[in-house]
Amino acid sequence: MLHDRVLVDVDAAAGERRSTSGILIPATVQLGRRLTWAKVVAVGPNVRAVEPEDRVLFDPEERAEVELQAKVYVLLRERDIHAVASDSVADGGTGLYL
């Protein structure tokens, strides 16, 4: 990994969602700008705010895909990450930090 890059694994089913009435909306449907959650696999030496195994929120349009050992990952810059999910919420906040 180089500089401020973050390698993430996007869940294949993360793009699909259900409407309030239970209708399945496929990932190919575009409804405005929608951010995506992914799990961090590796980080570069200059990344400060993210660690491996963190869950991060990013814009799927600002990405570069890379295939490693027959699995597709997404390569991001640290500045392209919008939020990082926290495992536990101690102060009653949202569980996200920027």
PDB file of N, CA and C in Angstrom:
ATOM      1  N   MET A   1       0.848  -1.184   0.000  1.00  0.00           N
ATOM      2  CA  MET A   1       0.000   0.000   0.000  1.00  0.00           C
ATOM      3  C   MET A   1       0.890   1.242   0.000  1.00  0.00           C
ATOM      4  N   LEU A   2       0.462   2.240  -0.711  1.00  0.00           N
ATOM      5  CA  LEU A   2       1.246   3.459  -0.835  1.00  0.00           C
ATOM      6  C   LEU A   2       0.559   4.655  -0.200  1.00  0.00           C
ATOM      7  N   HIS A   3       1.309   5.429   0.505  1.00  0.00           N
ATOM      8  CA  HIS A   3       0.940   6.733   1.035  1.00  0.00           C
ATOM      9  C   HIS A   3      -0.381   6.718   1.807  1.00  0.00           C
ATOM     10  N   ASP A   4      -1.389   7.424   1.299  1.00  0.00           N
ATOM     11  CA  ASP A   4      -2.649   7.595   2.024  1.00  0.00           C
ATOM     12  C   ASP A   4      -3.764   6.716   1.453  1.00  0.00           C
ATOM     13  N   ARG A   5      -3.420   5.593   0.892  1.00  0.00           N
ATOM     14  CA  ARG A   5      -4.412   4.717   0.263  1.00  0.00           C
ATOM     15  C   ARG A   5      -5.021   3.743   1.276  1.00  0.00           C
ATOM     16  N   VAL A   6      -6.286   3.407   1.037  1.00  0.00           N
ATOM     17  CA  VAL A   6      -7.027   2.463   1.877  1.00  0.00           C
ATOM     18  C   VAL A   6      -7.653   1.426   0.959  1.00  0.00           C
ATOM     19  N   LEU A   7      -7.423   0.154   1.233  1.00  0.00           N
ATOM     20  CA  LEU A   7      -7.994  -0.946   0.456  1.00  0.00           C
ATOM     21  C   LEU A   7      -9.207  -1.465   1.210  1.00  0.00           C
ATOM     22  N   VAL A   8     -10.376  -1.454   0.556  1.00  0.00           N
ATOM     23  CA  VAL A   8     -11.615  -1.866   1.225  1.00  0.00           C
ATOM     24  C   VAL A   8     -12.302  -2.978   0.457  1.00  0.00           C
ATOM     25  N   ASP A   9     -13.091  -3.741   1.181  1.00  0.00           N
ATOM     26  CA  ASP A   9     -13.878  -4.835   0.622  1.00  0.00           C
ATOM     27  C   ASP A   9     -15.347  -4.449   0.735  1.00  0.00           C
ATOM     28  N   VAL A  10     -16.000  -4.262  -0.414  1.00  0.00           N
ATOM     29  CA  VAL A  10     -17.404  -3.874  -0.443  1.00  0.00           C
ATOM     30  C   VAL A  10     -18.262  -5.124  -0.447  1.00  0.00           C
ATOM     31  N   ASP A  11     -19.236  -5.182   0.440  1.00  0.00           N
ATOM     32  CA  ASP A  11     -20.163  -6.305   0.500  1.00  0.00           C
ATOM     33  C   ASP A  11     -21.020  -6.302  -0.759  1.00  0.00           C
ATOM     34  N   ALA A  12     -21.099  -7.431  -1.449  1.00  0.00           N
ATOM     35  CA  ALA A  12     -21.847  -7.520  -2.710  1.00  0.00           C
ATOM     36  C   ALA A  12     -23.329  -7.228  -2.518  1.00  0.00           C
ATOM     37  N   ALA A  13     -23.887  -7.615  -1.389  1.00  0.00           N
ATOM     38  CA  ALA A  13     -25.309  -7.400  -1.129  1.00  0.00           C
ATOM     39  C   ALA A  13     -25.599  -6.022  -0.562  1.00  0.00           C
ATOM     40  N   ALA A  14     -24.573  -5.225  -0.314  1.00  0.00           N
ATOM     41  CA  ALA A  14     -24.777  -3.918   0.301  1.00  0.00           C
ATOM     42  C   ALA A  14     -25.532  -2.962  -0.611  1.00  0.00           C
ATOM     43  N   GLY A  15     -25.452  -3.153  -1.921  1.00  0.00           N
ATOM     44  CA  GLY A  15     -26.127  -2.262  -2.842  1.00  0.00           C
ATOM     45  C   GLY A  15     -27.622  -2.481  -2.906  1.00  0.00           C
ATOM     46  N   GLU A  16     -28.070  -3.682  -2.609  1.00  0.00           N
ATOM     47  CA  GLU A  16     -29.504  -3.954  -2.644  1.00  0.00           C
ATOM     48  C   GLU A  16     -30.155  -3.461  -1.362  1.00  0.00           C
ATOM     49  N   ARG A  17     -31.372  -2.985  -1.499  1.00  0.00           N
ATOM     50  CA  ARG A  17     -32.112  -2.511  -0.326  1.00  0.00           C
ATOM     51  C   ARG A  17     -33.594  -2.745  -0.546  1.00  0.00           C
ATOM     52  N   ARG A  18     -34.361  -2.631   0.510  1.00  0.00           N
ATOM     53  CA  ARG A  18     -35.810  -2.830   0.431  1.00  0.00           C
ATOM     54  C   ARG A  18     -36.526  -1.520   0.721  1.00  0.00           C
ATOM     55  N   SER A  19     -37.616  -1.313   0.004  1.00  0.00           N
ATOM     56  CA  SER A  19     -38.438  -0.139   0.275  1.00  0.00           C
ATOM     57  C   SER A  19     -39.250  -0.399   1.543  1.00  0.00           C
ATOM     58  N   THR A  20     -39.963   0.609   2.017  1.00  0.00           N
ATOM     59  CA  THR A  20     -40.756   0.442   3.239  1.00  0.00           C
ATOM     60  C   THR A  20     -41.892  -0.557   3.051  1.00  0.00           C
ATOM     61  N   SER A  21     -42.309  -0.766   1.808  1.00  0.00           N
ATOM     62  CA  SER A  21     -43.375  -1.735   1.549  1.00  0.00           C
ATOM     63  C   SER A  21     -42.843  -3.137   1.264  1.00  0.00           C
ATOM     64  N   GLY A  22     -41.500  -3.308   1.294  1.00  0.00           N
ATOM     65  CA  GLY A  22     -40.916  -4.626   1.119  1.00  0.00           C
ATOM     66  C   GLY A  22     -40.446  -4.956  -0.280  1.00  0.00           C
ATOM     67  N   ILE A  23     -40.499  -4.005  -1.195  1.00  0.00           N
ATOM     68  CA  ILE A  23     -40.046  -4.248  -2.565  1.00  0.00           C
ATOM     69  C   ILE A  23     -38.523  -4.182  -2.605  1.00  0.00           C
ATOM     70  N   LEU A  24     -37.901  -5.190  -3.232  1.00  0.00           N
ATOM     71  CA  LEU A  24     -36.446  -5.241  -3.350  1.00  0.00           C
ATOM     72  C   LEU A  24     -35.991  -4.313  -4.466  1.00  0.00           C
ATOM     73  N   ILE A  25     -35.098  -3.369  -4.125  1.00  0.00           N
ATOM     74  CA  ILE A  25     -34.556  -2.420  -5.091  1.00  0.00           C
ATOM     75  C   ILE A  25     -33.126  -2.856  -5.394  1.00  0.00           C
ATOM     76  N   PRO A  26     -32.819  -3.259  -6.634  1.00  0.00           N
ATOM     77  CA  PRO A  26     -31.468  -3.748  -6.959  1.00  0.00           C
ATOM     78  C   PRO A  26     -30.427  -2.635  -6.905  1.00  0.00           C
ATOM     79  N   ALA A  27     -29.165  -3.037  -6.808  1.00  0.00           N
ATOM     80  CA  ALA A  27     -28.060  -2.092  -6.701  1.00  0.00           C
ATOM     81  C   ALA A  27     -27.870  -1.270  -7.970  1.00  0.00           C
ATOM     82  N   THR A  28     -28.392  -1.744  -9.097  1.00  0.00           N
ATOM     83  CA  THR A  28     -28.195  -1.036 -10.361  1.00  0.00           C
ATOM     84  C   THR A  28     -29.083   0.193 -10.490  1.00  0.00           C
ATOM     85  N   VAL A  29     -30.087   0.334  -9.646  1.00  0.00           N
ATOM     86  CA  VAL A  29     -30.982   1.486  -9.702  1.00  0.00           C
ATOM     87  C   VAL A  29     -30.274   2.685  -9.077  1.00  0.00           C
ATOM     88  N   GLN A  30     -30.241   3.791  -9.793  1.00  0.00           N
ATOM     89  CA  GLN A  30     -29.608   5.004  -9.293  1.00  0.00           C
ATOM     90  C   GLN A  30     -30.668   5.934  -8.738  1.00  0.00           C
ATOM     91  N   LEU A  31     -30.591   6.229  -7.463  1.00  0.00           N
ATOM     92  CA  LEU A  31     -31.505   7.168  -6.819  1.00  0.00           C
ATOM     93  C   LEU A  31     -30.685   8.292  -6.200  1.00  0.00           C
ATOM     94  N   GLY A  32     -30.208   9.193  -7.021  1.00  0.00           N
ATOM     95  CA  GLY A  32     -29.381  10.273  -6.506  1.00  0.00           C
ATOM     96  C   GLY A  32     -28.005   9.761  -6.105  1.00  0.00           C
ATOM     97  N   ARG A  33     -27.352  10.503  -5.278  1.00  0.00           N
ATOM     98  CA  ARG A  33     -26.011  10.142  -4.829  1.00  0.00           C
ATOM     99  C   ARG A  33     -26.116   9.354  -3.536  1.00  0.00           C
ATOM    100  N   ARG A  34     -25.688   8.109  -3.556  1.00  0.00           N
ATOM    101  CA  ARG A  34     -25.815   7.220  -2.398  1.00  0.00           C
ATOM    102  C   ARG A  34     -24.427   6.732  -1.989  1.00  0.00           C
ATOM    103  N   LEU A  35     -24.105   6.870  -0.709  1.00  0.00           N
ATOM    104  CA  LEU A  35     -22.816   6.424  -0.193  1.00  0.00           C
ATOM    105  C   LEU A  35     -22.880   4.943   0.147  1.00  0.00           C
ATOM    106  N   THR A  36     -21.706   4.287   0.212  1.00  0.00           N
ATOM    107  CA  THR A  36     -21.617   2.845   0.407  1.00  0.00           C
ATOM    108  C   THR A  36     -20.718   2.533   1.596  1.00  0.00           C
ATOM    109  N   TRP A  37     -21.076   1.476   2.349  1.00  0.00           N
ATOM    110  CA  TRP A  37     -20.265   0.990   3.464  1.00  0.00           C
ATOM    111  C   TRP A  37     -19.336  -0.111   2.966  1.00  0.00           C
ATOM    112  N   ALA A  38     -18.142  -0.182   3.539  1.00  0.00           N
ATOM    113  CA  ALA A  38     -17.181  -1.226   3.200  1.00  0.00           C
ATOM    114  C   ALA A  38     -16.287  -1.497   4.407  1.00  0.00           C
ATOM    115  N   LYS A  39     -15.628  -2.663   4.397  1.00  0.00           N
ATOM    116  CA  LYS A  39     -14.706  -3.043   5.473  1.00  0.00           C
ATOM    117  C   LYS A  39     -13.272  -2.818   5.012  1.00  0.00           C
ATOM    118  N   VAL A  40     -12.463  -2.177   5.851  1.00  0.00           N
ATOM    119  CA  VAL A  40     -11.074  -1.881   5.521  1.00  0.00           C
ATOM    120  C   VAL A  40     -10.250  -3.162   5.611  1.00  0.00           C
ATOM    121  N   VAL A  41      -9.500  -3.448   4.558  1.00  0.00           N
ATOM    122  CA  VAL A  41      -8.646  -4.634   4.495  1.00  0.00           C
ATOM    123  C   VAL A  41      -7.197  -4.267   4.817  1.00  0.00           C
ATOM    124  N   ALA A  42      -6.707  -3.157   4.243  1.00  0.00           N
ATOM    125  CA  ALA A  42      -5.326  -2.733   4.460  1.00  0.00           C
ATOM    126  C   ALA A  42      -5.243  -1.221   4.324  1.00  0.00           C
ATOM    127  N   VAL A  43      -4.227  -0.625   4.963  1.00  0.00           N
ATOM    128  CA  VAL A  43      -4.025   0.818   4.895  1.00  0.00           C
ATOM    129  C   VAL A  43      -2.560   1.115   4.587  1.00  0.00           C
ATOM    130  N   GLY A  44      -2.321   2.272   3.969  1.00  0.00           N
ATOM    131  CA  GLY A  44      -0.962   2.710   3.678  1.00  0.00           C
ATOM    132  C   GLY A  44      -0.291   3.278   4.917  1.00  0.00           C
ATOM    133  N   PRO A  45       1.011   3.538   4.860  1.00  0.00           N
ATOM    134  CA  PRO A  45       1.744   4.002   6.035  1.00  0.00           C
ATOM    135  C   PRO A  45       1.385   5.411   6.502  1.00  0.00           C
ATOM    136  N   ASN A  46       0.805   6.238   5.638  1.00  0.00           N
ATOM    137  CA  ASN A  46       0.457   7.606   6.017  1.00  0.00           C
ATOM    138  C   ASN A  46      -1.007   7.779   6.396  1.00  0.00           C
ATOM    139  N   VAL A  47      -1.755   6.715   6.510  1.00  0.00           N
ATOM    140  CA  VAL A  47      -3.163   6.795   6.913  1.00  0.00           C
ATOM    141  C   VAL A  47      -3.218   6.910   8.429  1.00  0.00           C
ATOM    142  N   ARG A  48      -3.957   7.920   8.933  1.00  0.00           N
ATOM    143  CA  ARG A  48      -3.980   8.173  10.369  1.00  0.00           C
ATOM    144  C   ARG A  48      -5.308   7.845  11.035  1.00  0.00           C
ATOM    145  N   ALA A  49      -6.432   7.993  10.331  1.00  0.00           N
ATOM    146  CA  ALA A  49      -7.732   7.906  10.977  1.00  0.00           C
ATOM    147  C   ALA A  49      -8.433   6.564  10.802  1.00  0.00           C
ATOM    148  N   VAL A  50      -7.871   5.664  10.014  1.00  0.00           N
ATOM    149  CA  VAL A  50      -8.525   4.399   9.706  1.00  0.00           C
ATOM    150  C   VAL A  50      -7.567   3.249   9.989  1.00  0.00           C
ATOM    151  N   GLU A  51      -8.118   2.150  10.502  1.00  0.00           N
ATOM    152  CA  GLU A  51      -7.330   0.957  10.772  1.00  0.00           C
ATOM    153  C   GLU A  51      -7.981  -0.238  10.083  1.00  0.00           C
ATOM    154  N   PRO A  52      -7.224  -1.303   9.826  1.00  0.00           N
ATOM    155  CA  PRO A  52      -7.839  -2.507   9.253  1.00  0.00           C
ATOM    156  C   PRO A  52      -8.979  -3.017  10.137  1.00  0.00           C
ATOM    157  N   GLU A  53     -10.011  -3.572   9.515  1.00  0.00           N
ATOM    158  CA  GLU A  53     -11.228  -4.092  10.139  1.00  0.00           C
ATOM    159  C   GLU A  53     -12.256  -3.005  10.452  1.00  0.00           C
ATOM    160  N   ASP A  54     -11.946  -1.704  10.245  1.00  0.00           N
ATOM    161  CA  ASP A  54     -12.935  -0.644  10.429  1.00  0.00           C
ATOM    162  C   ASP A  54     -13.955  -0.699   9.302  1.00  0.00           C
ATOM    163  N   ARG A  55     -15.157  -0.180   9.562  1.00  0.00           N
ATOM    164  CA  ARG A  55     -16.170  -0.018   8.507  1.00  0.00           C
ATOM    165  C   ARG A  55     -16.188   1.457   8.128  1.00  0.00           C
ATOM    166  N   VAL A  56     -16.079   1.729   6.819  1.00  0.00           N
ATOM    167  CA  VAL A  56     -16.010   3.108   6.345  1.00  0.00           C
ATOM    168  C   VAL A  56     -17.126   3.393   5.342  1.00  0.00           C
ATOM    169  N   LEU A  57     -17.492   4.666   5.265  1.00  0.00           N
ATOM    170  CA  LEU A  57     -18.526   5.135   4.350  1.00  0.00           C
ATOM    171  C   LEU A  57     -17.848   5.975   3.269  1.00  0.00           C
ATOM    172  N   PHE A  58     -18.109   5.656   1.992  1.00  0.00           N
ATOM    173  CA  PHE A  58     -17.470   6.379   0.894  1.00  0.00           C
ATOM    174  C   PHE A  58     -18.429   6.494  -0.280  1.00  0.00           C
ATOM    175  N   ASP A  59     -18.087   7.389  -1.205  1.00  0.00           N
ATOM    176  CA  ASP A  59     -18.861   7.587  -2.426  1.00  0.00           C
ATOM    177  C   ASP A  59     -18.374   6.571  -3.463  1.00  0.00           C
ATOM    178  N   PRO A  60     -19.249   5.681  -3.950  1.00  0.00           N
ATOM    179  CA  PRO A  60     -18.810   4.648  -4.890  1.00  0.00           C
ATOM    180  C   PRO A  60     -18.333   5.196  -6.235  1.00  0.00           C
ATOM    181  N   GLU A  61     -18.628   6.448  -6.550  1.00  0.00           N
ATOM    182  CA  GLU A  61     -18.155   7.022  -7.812  1.00  0.00           C
ATOM    183  C   GLU A  61     -16.698   7.455  -7.733  1.00  0.00           C
ATOM    184  N   GLU A  62     -16.169   7.661  -6.524  1.00  0.00           N
ATOM    185  CA  GLU A  62     -14.781   8.096  -6.324  1.00  0.00           C
ATOM    186  C   GLU A  62     -13.923   6.908  -5.920  1.00  0.00           C
ATOM    187  N   ARG A  63     -13.779   5.936  -6.810  1.00  0.00           N
ATOM    188  CA  ARG A  63     -13.047   4.737  -6.435  1.00  0.00           C
ATOM    189  C   ARG A  63     -12.295   4.161  -7.621  1.00  0.00           C
ATOM    190  N   ALA A  64     -11.354   3.289  -7.286  1.00  0.00           N
ATOM    191  CA  ALA A  64     -10.625   2.529  -8.291  1.00  0.00           C
ATOM    192  C   ALA A  64     -10.671   1.070  -7.850  1.00  0.00           C
ATOM    193  N   GLU A  65     -11.111   0.190  -8.734  1.00  0.00           N
ATOM    194  CA  GLU A  65     -11.198  -1.225  -8.392  1.00  0.00           C
ATOM    195  C   GLU A  65      -9.890  -1.923  -8.732  1.00  0.00           C
ATOM    196  N   VAL A  66      -9.535  -2.896  -7.893  1.00  0.00           N
ATOM    197  CA  VAL A  66      -8.329  -3.679  -8.113  1.00  0.00           C
ATOM    198  C   VAL A  66      -8.657  -5.133  -7.779  1.00  0.00           C
ATOM    199  N   GLU A  67      -8.130  -6.059  -8.571  1.00  0.00           N
ATOM    200  CA  GLU A  67      -8.384  -7.477  -8.343  1.00  0.00           C
ATOM    201  C   GLU A  67      -7.128  -8.121  -7.754  1.00  0.00           C
ATOM    202  N   LEU A  68      -7.277  -8.750  -6.602  1.00  0.00           N
ATOM    203  CA  LEU A  68      -6.187  -9.445  -5.927  1.00  0.00           C
ATOM    204  C   LEU A  68      -6.635 -10.852  -5.594  1.00  0.00           C
ATOM    205  N   GLN A  69      -5.924 -11.841  -6.081  1.00  0.00           N
ATOM    206  CA  GLN A  69      -6.227 -13.247  -5.831  1.00  0.00           C
ATOM    207  C   GLN A  69      -7.688 -13.572  -6.131  1.00  0.00           C
ATOM    208  N   ALA A  70      -8.144 -13.150  -7.305  1.00  0.00           N
ATOM    209  CA  ALA A  70      -9.490 -13.409  -7.835  1.00  0.00           C
ATOM    210  C   ALA A  70     -10.597 -12.763  -7.013  1.00  0.00           C
ATOM    211  N   LYS A  71     -10.304 -11.735  -6.236  1.00  0.00           N
ATOM    212  CA  LYS A  71     -11.314 -10.994  -5.470  1.00  0.00           C
ATOM    213  C   LYS A  71     -11.152  -9.521  -5.797  1.00  0.00           C
ATOM    214  N   VAL A  72     -12.282  -8.843  -6.001  1.00  0.00           N
ATOM    215  CA  VAL A  72     -12.258  -7.429  -6.361  1.00  0.00           C
ATOM    216  C   VAL A  72     -12.349  -6.575  -5.101  1.00  0.00           C
ATOM    217  N   TYR A  73     -11.409  -5.648  -4.967  1.00  0.00           N
ATOM    218  CA  TYR A  73     -11.379  -4.692  -3.858  1.00  0.00           C
ATOM    219  C   TYR A  73     -11.479  -3.286  -4.426  1.00  0.00           C
ATOM    220  N   VAL A  74     -11.725  -2.316  -3.557  1.00  0.00           N
ATOM    221  CA  VAL A  74     -11.776  -0.921  -3.956  1.00  0.00           C
ATOM    222  C   VAL A  74     -10.624  -0.190  -3.277  1.00  0.00           C
ATOM    223  N   LEU A  75      -9.916   0.625  -4.040  1.00  0.00           N
ATOM    224  CA  LEU A  75      -8.787   1.392  -3.531  1.00  0.00           C
ATOM    225  C   LEU A  75      -9.207   2.850  -3.431  1.00  0.00           C
ATOM    226  N   LEU A  76      -9.104   3.426  -2.231  1.00  0.00           N
ATOM    227  CA  LEU A  76      -9.527   4.799  -1.969  1.00  0.00           C
ATOM    228  C   LEU A  76      -8.383   5.603  -1.379  1.00  0.00           C
ATOM    229  N   ARG A  77      -8.486   6.912  -1.486  1.00  0.00           N
ATOM    230  CA  ARG A  77      -7.615   7.793  -0.715  1.00  0.00           C
ATOM    231  C   ARG A  77      -8.304   8.017   0.639  1.00  0.00           C
ATOM    232  N   GLU A  78      -7.513   8.284   1.654  1.00  0.00           N
ATOM    233  CA  GLU A  78      -8.088   8.513   2.983  1.00  0.00           C
ATOM    234  C   GLU A  78      -9.052   9.704   2.963  1.00  0.00           C
ATOM    235  N   ARG A  79      -8.762  10.712   2.175  1.00  0.00           N
ATOM    236  CA  ARG A  79      -9.627  11.899   2.126  1.00  0.00           C
ATOM    237  C   ARG A  79     -10.986  11.620   1.476  1.00  0.00           C
ATOM    238  N   ASP A  80     -11.119  10.499   0.727  1.00  0.00           N
ATOM    239  CA  ASP A  80     -12.396  10.147   0.098  1.00  0.00           C
ATOM    240  C   ASP A  80     -13.339   9.414   1.047  1.00  0.00           C
ATOM    241  N   ILE A  81     -12.887   9.113   2.253  1.00  0.00           N
ATOM    242  CA  ILE A  81     -13.728   8.435   3.245  1.00  0.00           C
ATOM    243  C   ILE A  81     -14.536   9.484   3.990  1.00  0.00           C
ATOM    244  N   HIS A  82     -15.855   9.302   4.032  1.00  0.00           N
ATOM    245  CA  HIS A  82     -16.750  10.275   4.662  1.00  0.00           C
ATOM    246  C   HIS A  82     -16.950  10.016   6.149  1.00  0.00           C
ATOM    247  N   ALA A  83     -16.939   8.745   6.582  1.00  0.00           N
ATOM    248  CA  ALA A  83     -17.159   8.426   7.993  1.00  0.00           C
ATOM    249  C   ALA A  83     -16.582   7.053   8.303  1.00  0.00           C
ATOM    250  N   VAL A  84     -16.305   6.828   9.585  1.00  0.00           N
ATOM    251  CA  VAL A  84     -15.822   5.543  10.075  1.00  0.00           C
ATOM    252  C   VAL A  84     -16.767   5.110  11.186  1.00  0.00           C
ATOM    253  N   ALA A  85     -17.256   3.880  11.112  1.00  0.00           N
ATOM    254  CA  ALA A  85     -18.192   3.371  12.121  1.00  0.00           C
ATOM    255  C   ALA A  85     -17.416   2.897  13.338  1.00  0.00           C
ATOM    256  N   SER A  86     -17.946   3.206  14.502  1.00  0.00           N
ATOM    257  CA  SER A  86     -17.335   2.783  15.759  1.00  0.00           C
ATOM    258  C   SER A  86     -18.010   1.502  16.234  1.00  0.00           C
ATOM    259  N   ASP A  87     -17.240   0.608  16.856  1.00  0.00           N
ATOM    260  CA  ASP A  87     -17.806  -0.642  17.378  1.00  0.00           C
ATOM    261  C   ASP A  87     -18.755  -0.404  18.536  1.00  0.00           C
ATOM    262  N   SER A  88     -18.406   0.513  19.422  1.00  0.00           N
ATOM    263  CA  SER A  88     -19.256   0.768  20.590  1.00  0.00           C
ATOM    264  C   SER A  88     -19.445   2.266  20.758  1.00  0.00           C
ATOM    265  N   VAL A  89     -20.606   2.638  21.276  1.00  0.00           N
ATOM    266  CA  VAL A  89     -20.932   4.036  21.491  1.00  0.00           C
ATOM    267  C   VAL A  89     -20.963   4.273  22.995  1.00  0.00           C
ATOM    268  N   ALA A  90     -20.001   5.024  23.502  1.00  0.00           N
ATOM    269  CA  ALA A  90     -19.892   5.233  24.940  1.00  0.00           C
ATOM    270  C   ALA A  90     -20.696   6.422  25.430  1.00  0.00           C
ATOM    271  N   ASP A  91     -20.773   7.479  24.630  1.00  0.00           N
ATOM    272  CA  ASP A  91     -21.408   8.706  25.101  1.00  0.00           C
ATOM    273  C   ASP A  91     -22.816   8.923  24.563  1.00  0.00           C
ATOM    274  N   GLY A  92     -23.416   7.906  23.984  1.00  0.00           N
ATOM    275  CA  GLY A  92     -24.773   8.042  23.458  1.00  0.00           C
ATOM    276  C   GLY A  92     -24.840   8.749  22.117  1.00  0.00           C
ATOM    277  N   GLY A  93     -23.701   8.852  21.400  1.00  0.00           N
ATOM    278  CA  GLY A  93     -23.660   9.513  20.102  1.00  0.00           C
ATOM    279  C   GLY A  93     -24.161   8.586  18.998  1.00  0.00           C
ATOM    280  N   THR A  94     -23.799   8.931  17.790  1.00  0.00           N
ATOM    281  CA  THR A  94     -24.272   8.170  16.629  1.00  0.00           C
ATOM    282  C   THR A  94     -23.445   6.931  16.343  1.00  0.00           C
ATOM    283  N   GLY A  95     -22.215   6.851  16.867  1.00  0.00           N
ATOM    284  CA  GLY A  95     -21.335   5.725  16.561  1.00  0.00           C
ATOM    285  C   GLY A  95     -20.494   5.972  15.339  1.00  0.00           C
ATOM    286  N   LEU A  96     -20.550   7.197  14.792  1.00  0.00           N
ATOM    287  CA  LEU A  96     -19.753   7.550  13.627  1.00  0.00           C
ATOM    288  C   LEU A  96     -18.807   8.680  14.001  1.00  0.00           C
ATOM    289  N   TYR A  97     -17.652   8.695  13.400  1.00  0.00           N
ATOM    290  CA  TYR A  97     -16.770   9.838  13.562  1.00  0.00           C
ATOM    291  C   TYR A  97     -16.172  10.175  12.212  1.00  0.00           C
ATOM    292  N   LEU A  98     -15.847  11.429  12.017  1.00  0.00           N
ATOM    293  CA  LEU A  98     -15.310  11.899  10.743  1.00  0.00           C
ATOM    294  C   LEU A  98     -13.845  12.222  10.871  1.00  0.00           C
TER     295      LEU A  98
END
